[in-house]
Protein backbone atom coordinates (compact mmCIF):
# COMPACT_ATOMS: atom_id res chain seq x y z
CA LEU A 1 -10.50 -5.27 -16.88
CA TRP A 2 -6.72 -5.72 -16.56
CA PHE A 3 -5.00 -5.55 -19.95
CA ASP A 4 -1.38 -6.59 -20.53
CA GLY A 5 1.03 -7.05 -23.44
CA GLU A 6 0.97 -3.56 -24.95
CA TRP A 7 4.73 -3.83 -25.55
CA GLU A 8 4.04 -6.06 -28.59
CA ASP A 9 5.32 -4.39 -31.78
CA THR A 10 2.01 -5.01 -33.53
CA TRP A 11 0.08 -3.03 -30.92
CA ASN A 12 -0.38 0.71 -31.35
CA ARG A 13 -2.33 3.62 -29.90
CA GLU A 14 -5.07 3.40 -32.55
CA ARG A 15 -5.78 -0.25 -31.72
CA GLY A 16 -5.77 0.62 -28.04
CA ILE A 17 -8.34 3.37 -28.56
CA ASP A 18 -10.54 1.05 -30.62
CA LEU A 19 -10.44 -1.68 -27.96
CA TYR A 20 -10.94 0.79 -25.12
CA ASP A 21 -13.99 2.34 -26.82
CA TYR A 22 -15.43 -1.09 -27.59
CA VAL A 23 -15.16 -2.23 -23.96
CA ARG A 24 -16.71 1.03 -22.76
CA SER A 25 -19.62 0.55 -25.18
CA LEU A 26 -20.37 -2.80 -23.53
CA GLN A 27 -19.99 -1.61 -19.94
CA PRO A 28 -19.58 2.16 -19.48
CA SER A 29 -18.73 1.98 -15.75
CA ILE A 30 -15.97 -0.65 -16.07
CA ILE A 31 -12.53 0.08 -14.58
CA ILE A 32 -9.65 -0.41 -17.05
CA ASN A 33 -5.92 -0.31 -16.39
CA ASN A 34 -3.44 1.79 -18.36
CA ARG A 35 -2.07 -1.08 -20.48
CA VAL A 36 -4.85 -1.08 -23.05
CA GLY A 37 -3.08 1.55 -25.16
CA LYS A 38 0.50 2.77 -25.47
CA GLY A 39 0.56 5.29 -22.65
CA ARG A 40 2.47 3.40 -19.96
CA GLU A 41 5.99 4.64 -19.26
CA GLY A 42 7.99 1.46 -18.66
CA MET A 43 8.08 -0.59 -15.46
CA ALA A 44 7.22 2.47 -13.38
CA GLY A 45 3.72 2.17 -14.85
CA THR A 46 3.18 5.92 -14.86
CA TYR A 47 1.08 7.70 -17.46
CA ASP A 48 -0.70 10.96 -18.16
CA PRO A 49 -4.38 10.26 -17.39
CA GLU A 50 -5.37 13.35 -19.40
CA GLN A 51 -3.72 12.00 -22.56
CA ALA A 52 -3.44 8.21 -22.26
CA LEU A 53 -6.09 5.50 -21.99
CA GLY A 54 -7.06 3.80 -18.76
CA ASP A 55 -8.19 4.62 -15.25
CA PHE A 56 -5.13 3.77 -13.15
CA GLY A 57 -1.37 3.32 -13.31
CA THR A 58 0.39 -0.04 -12.93
CA PRO A 59 3.93 0.12 -11.52
CA GLU A 60 5.52 -3.31 -11.90
CA GLN A 61 7.88 -4.83 -9.31
CA GLU A 62 8.45 -1.41 -7.77
CA ILE A 63 6.80 1.10 -5.45
CA PRO A 64 6.74 4.81 -6.33
CA SER A 65 8.72 7.00 -3.96
CA THR A 66 5.63 9.18 -3.50
CA GLY A 67 1.98 9.14 -4.48
CA LEU A 68 1.27 9.60 -8.19
CA GLY A 69 -1.62 12.07 -8.10
CA TYR A 70 -4.01 9.53 -9.65
CA ASP A 71 -5.19 5.99 -8.93
CA TRP A 72 -2.52 3.29 -9.17
CA GLU A 73 -1.59 -0.19 -8.00
CA THR A 74 1.78 -1.88 -7.71
CA CYS A 75 1.80 -5.35 -9.26
CA MET A 76 4.48 -7.61 -7.80
CA THR A 77 5.58 -11.22 -7.51
CA MET A 78 6.32 -13.12 -4.30
CA ASN A 79 9.59 -14.38 -5.76
CA ASP A 80 11.20 -13.52 -9.13
CA HIS A 81 8.67 -15.06 -11.54
CA TRP A 82 5.04 -14.39 -12.45
CA GLY A 83 4.45 -17.99 -13.45
CA TYR A 84 5.39 -21.04 -11.40
CA ASN A 85 9.10 -21.86 -11.44
CA LYS A 86 10.24 -24.75 -9.25
CA HIS A 87 13.84 -23.48 -9.30
CA ASP A 88 12.93 -20.02 -7.98
CA ASP A 89 13.40 -20.05 -4.21
CA ASN A 90 14.03 -16.31 -3.89
CA TRP A 91 10.87 -15.69 -1.90
CA LYS A 92 10.17 -12.34 -0.28
CA SER A 93 9.76 -12.66 3.48
CA ASN A 94 6.47 -12.18 5.34
CA LYS A 95 7.86 -9.00 6.85
CA ASP A 96 8.94 -7.62 3.50
CA LEU A 97 5.56 -8.27 1.88
CA ILE A 98 3.56 -6.78 4.76
CA GLN A 99 5.78 -3.71 4.86
CA LYS A 100 5.41 -3.34 1.09
CA LEU A 101 1.63 -3.48 1.49
CA VAL A 102 1.74 -0.74 4.11
CA ASP A 103 4.17 1.37 2.07
CA ILE A 104 1.92 1.21 -0.99
CA VAL A 105 -1.29 2.02 0.86
CA SER A 106 0.39 4.90 2.72
CA LYS A 107 1.02 6.48 -0.69
CA GLY A 108 -2.54 6.02 -1.89
CA GLY A 109 -2.05 2.87 -3.96
CA ASN A 110 -3.34 -0.72 -4.09
CA PHE A 111 -1.24 -3.90 -3.94
CA LEU A 112 -1.70 -6.55 -6.64
CA LEU A 113 0.29 -9.52 -5.29
CA ASN A 114 0.82 -12.36 -7.74
CA VAL A 115 0.52 -16.10 -7.13
CA GLY A 116 1.87 -18.40 -9.86
CA PRO A 117 0.01 -21.75 -9.70
CA THR A 118 1.61 -25.06 -10.60
CA ALA A 119 0.69 -27.10 -13.70
CA GLU A 120 -1.87 -28.88 -11.50
CA GLY A 121 -3.51 -25.56 -10.65
CA LEU A 122 -2.24 -25.56 -7.05
CA PHE A 123 -0.83 -22.63 -5.13
CA PRO A 124 2.81 -23.29 -4.13
CA GLU A 125 3.19 -23.90 -0.40
CA PRO A 126 5.56 -20.91 0.07
CA SER A 127 2.86 -18.66 -1.43
CA ILE A 128 0.20 -20.10 0.90
CA LYS A 129 2.41 -19.50 3.96
CA ARG A 130 2.96 -15.88 2.99
CA LEU A 131 -0.72 -15.28 2.24
CA ASN A 132 -1.62 -16.78 5.61
CA ALA A 133 0.85 -14.47 7.35
CA ILE A 134 -0.58 -11.44 5.58
CA GLY A 135 -4.11 -12.60 6.42
CA LYS A 136 -3.32 -13.02 10.12
CA TRP A 137 -1.75 -9.57 10.23
CA MET A 138 -4.79 -8.10 8.49
CA GLU A 139 -7.17 -9.75 10.96
CA VAL A 140 -5.72 -7.44 13.61
CA ASN A 141 -4.67 -4.42 11.58
CA GLY A 142 -7.00 -4.45 8.56
CA GLU A 143 -8.84 -1.29 9.58
CA SER A 144 -5.58 0.63 9.07
CA ILE A 145 -5.44 -0.59 5.43
CA TYR A 146 -8.94 -1.03 3.99
CA GLY A 147 -10.71 2.17 2.98
CA THR A 148 -7.87 4.43 4.09
CA SER A 149 -6.25 7.45 2.47
CA ALA A 150 -2.60 8.32 1.98
CA SER A 151 -0.34 9.56 4.74
CA LEU A 152 -0.61 13.13 6.00
CA PHE A 153 3.05 13.11 7.02
CA SER A 154 5.94 14.07 4.77
CA ASP A 155 8.50 11.70 6.26
CA LEU A 156 8.40 9.13 9.04
CA LYS A 157 11.82 7.57 9.56
CA TRP A 158 10.43 4.60 11.51
CA GLY A 159 7.55 3.63 9.21
CA ARG A 160 4.42 4.82 7.42
CA SER A 161 0.94 6.19 8.13
CA THR A 162 -2.61 6.06 6.77
CA THR A 163 -5.80 7.96 7.57
CA LYS A 164 -9.51 7.14 7.70
CA GLY A 165 -12.17 9.52 8.93
CA CYS A 166 -11.16 10.83 12.34
CA LYS A 167 -8.36 8.30 12.75
CA VAL A 168 -4.68 8.32 11.90
CA TYR A 169 -2.75 5.05 11.88
CA LEU A 170 0.98 4.87 12.53
CA HIS A 171 2.65 1.77 11.08
CA VAL A 172 5.91 1.23 12.92
CA PHE A 173 8.55 -0.74 10.99
CA GLU A 174 11.39 0.06 13.41
CA TRP A 175 10.30 -0.07 17.03
CA PRO A 176 11.98 2.64 19.17
CA GLU A 177 14.67 1.34 21.53
CA ASN A 178 13.85 3.93 24.20
CA SER A 179 10.09 3.18 24.23
CA THR A 180 9.34 6.68 22.89
CA LEU A 181 7.97 7.10 19.39
CA GLU A 182 8.66 10.54 17.93
CA VAL A 183 5.98 11.78 15.53
CA PRO A 184 7.26 14.93 13.82
CA GLY A 185 4.59 17.33 12.57
CA LEU A 186 1.81 15.99 14.78
CA LYS A 187 0.31 19.08 16.39
CA GLU A 188 -3.38 18.26 16.59
CA ARG A 189 -4.50 16.82 19.92
CA ALA A 190 -5.73 13.25 19.77
CA ASP A 191 -8.64 12.17 21.97
CA SER A 192 -7.18 8.67 22.34
CA VAL A 193 -4.06 6.74 21.37
CA TYR A 194 -3.76 2.95 21.47
CA LEU A 195 -2.30 -0.13 19.83
CA LEU A 196 -4.64 -1.89 17.41
CA GLN A 197 -3.62 -5.16 19.05
CA ASN A 198 -4.94 -3.89 22.38
CA PRO A 199 -7.46 -1.04 21.96
CA GLU A 200 -8.40 -1.08 25.65
CA ALA A 201 -4.91 -0.01 26.79
CA SER A 202 -4.31 3.70 26.19
CA LEU A 203 -0.86 5.05 25.35
CA THR A 204 0.51 8.27 26.79
CA ILE A 205 1.14 11.10 24.33
CA GLU A 206 2.91 14.43 24.89
CA TYR A 207 3.22 17.39 22.52
CA ASN A 208 6.08 19.79 21.90
CA ASP A 209 7.11 22.43 19.35
CA THR A 210 8.07 19.89 16.66
CA GLY A 211 5.40 17.24 17.10
CA ALA A 212 4.47 14.58 19.61
CA LEU A 213 6.01 11.81 21.69
CA ILE A 214 4.12 8.57 22.26
CA GLN A 215 5.18 6.26 25.08
CA VAL A 216 5.06 2.67 23.82
CA PRO A 217 5.81 -0.76 25.33
CA GLU A 218 9.41 -1.87 25.46
CA ASP A 219 8.88 -4.63 22.90
CA ALA A 220 7.09 -4.37 19.57
CA PRO A 221 3.72 -6.17 19.80
CA ASP A 222 3.98 -7.40 16.19
CA PRO A 223 7.06 -8.99 14.56
CA TYR A 224 6.34 -7.36 11.17
CA VAL A 225 4.53 -4.02 11.58
CA SER A 226 2.97 -2.70 14.80
CA VAL A 227 0.10 -0.24 14.36
CA ILE A 228 -0.81 2.66 16.65
CA ALA A 229 -4.20 4.34 16.21
CA LEU A 230 -4.87 7.99 17.03
CA LYS A 231 -8.50 9.10 17.24
CA PHE A 232 -9.36 12.78 16.84
CA ALA A 233 -12.55 14.74 17.50
CA THR A 234 -12.72 15.80 13.85
CA THR A 235 -11.03 14.80 10.61
CA PRO A 236 -7.35 15.76 11.02
CA GLY A 237 -5.78 18.19 8.61
CA LEU A 238 -2.26 18.16 7.21
CA LEU A 239 0.26 16.75 9.65
CA GLY A 240 3.52 18.10 8.31
CA THR A 241 3.37 17.88 4.51
CA LEU A 242 1.68 15.37 2.24
CA HIS A 243 3.74 12.53 0.74
């Protein structure tokens, strides 16, 4: 249950507690966001889960620089308005939205992406085009997003990373010009390395004192975010330092 509007002057912590307890009495296992009470700290959506009400944080129109240490989701518009506005043509690009999705998931969050329907209840065409682009990207790379955990790397200058089981996924925003992707902190030996777009073609990987070097094709296989999968014999440990 996604509450909103706790900034109203008439709303207070006591009313939030009463509503929270009432909802829990009806369905004890329900998931509730942190806007039911007065615990949210501005647009950053952060809160103290030990003191405030709710199960997850709700950053609005921004992505935390690191993970938050508890469940959270960034809620964001495709342009500048939540509701439909025919004069608002400031649409985020396909690339920007897909990279935002990857950035959020790499830090352990979810992405709540808004669509403001018209008065006729229709999705605006620019929204449909962007959703289709995200969907096509996910058809190929979805396994690197769904059910994953946050990055095990402290800092990747060229992109982001996620993990799932015995796999680590490298999301490359900036494709290397010399066809060599440097992965600082990667010391564990991978059993296989490949592009998600072409799992049958293995990539060459070499290790050194600071990490690993992966030889990649000259051109990026995806115009938005190319994903490299590394499969290990066991669940990999810390690679560098956590986000």
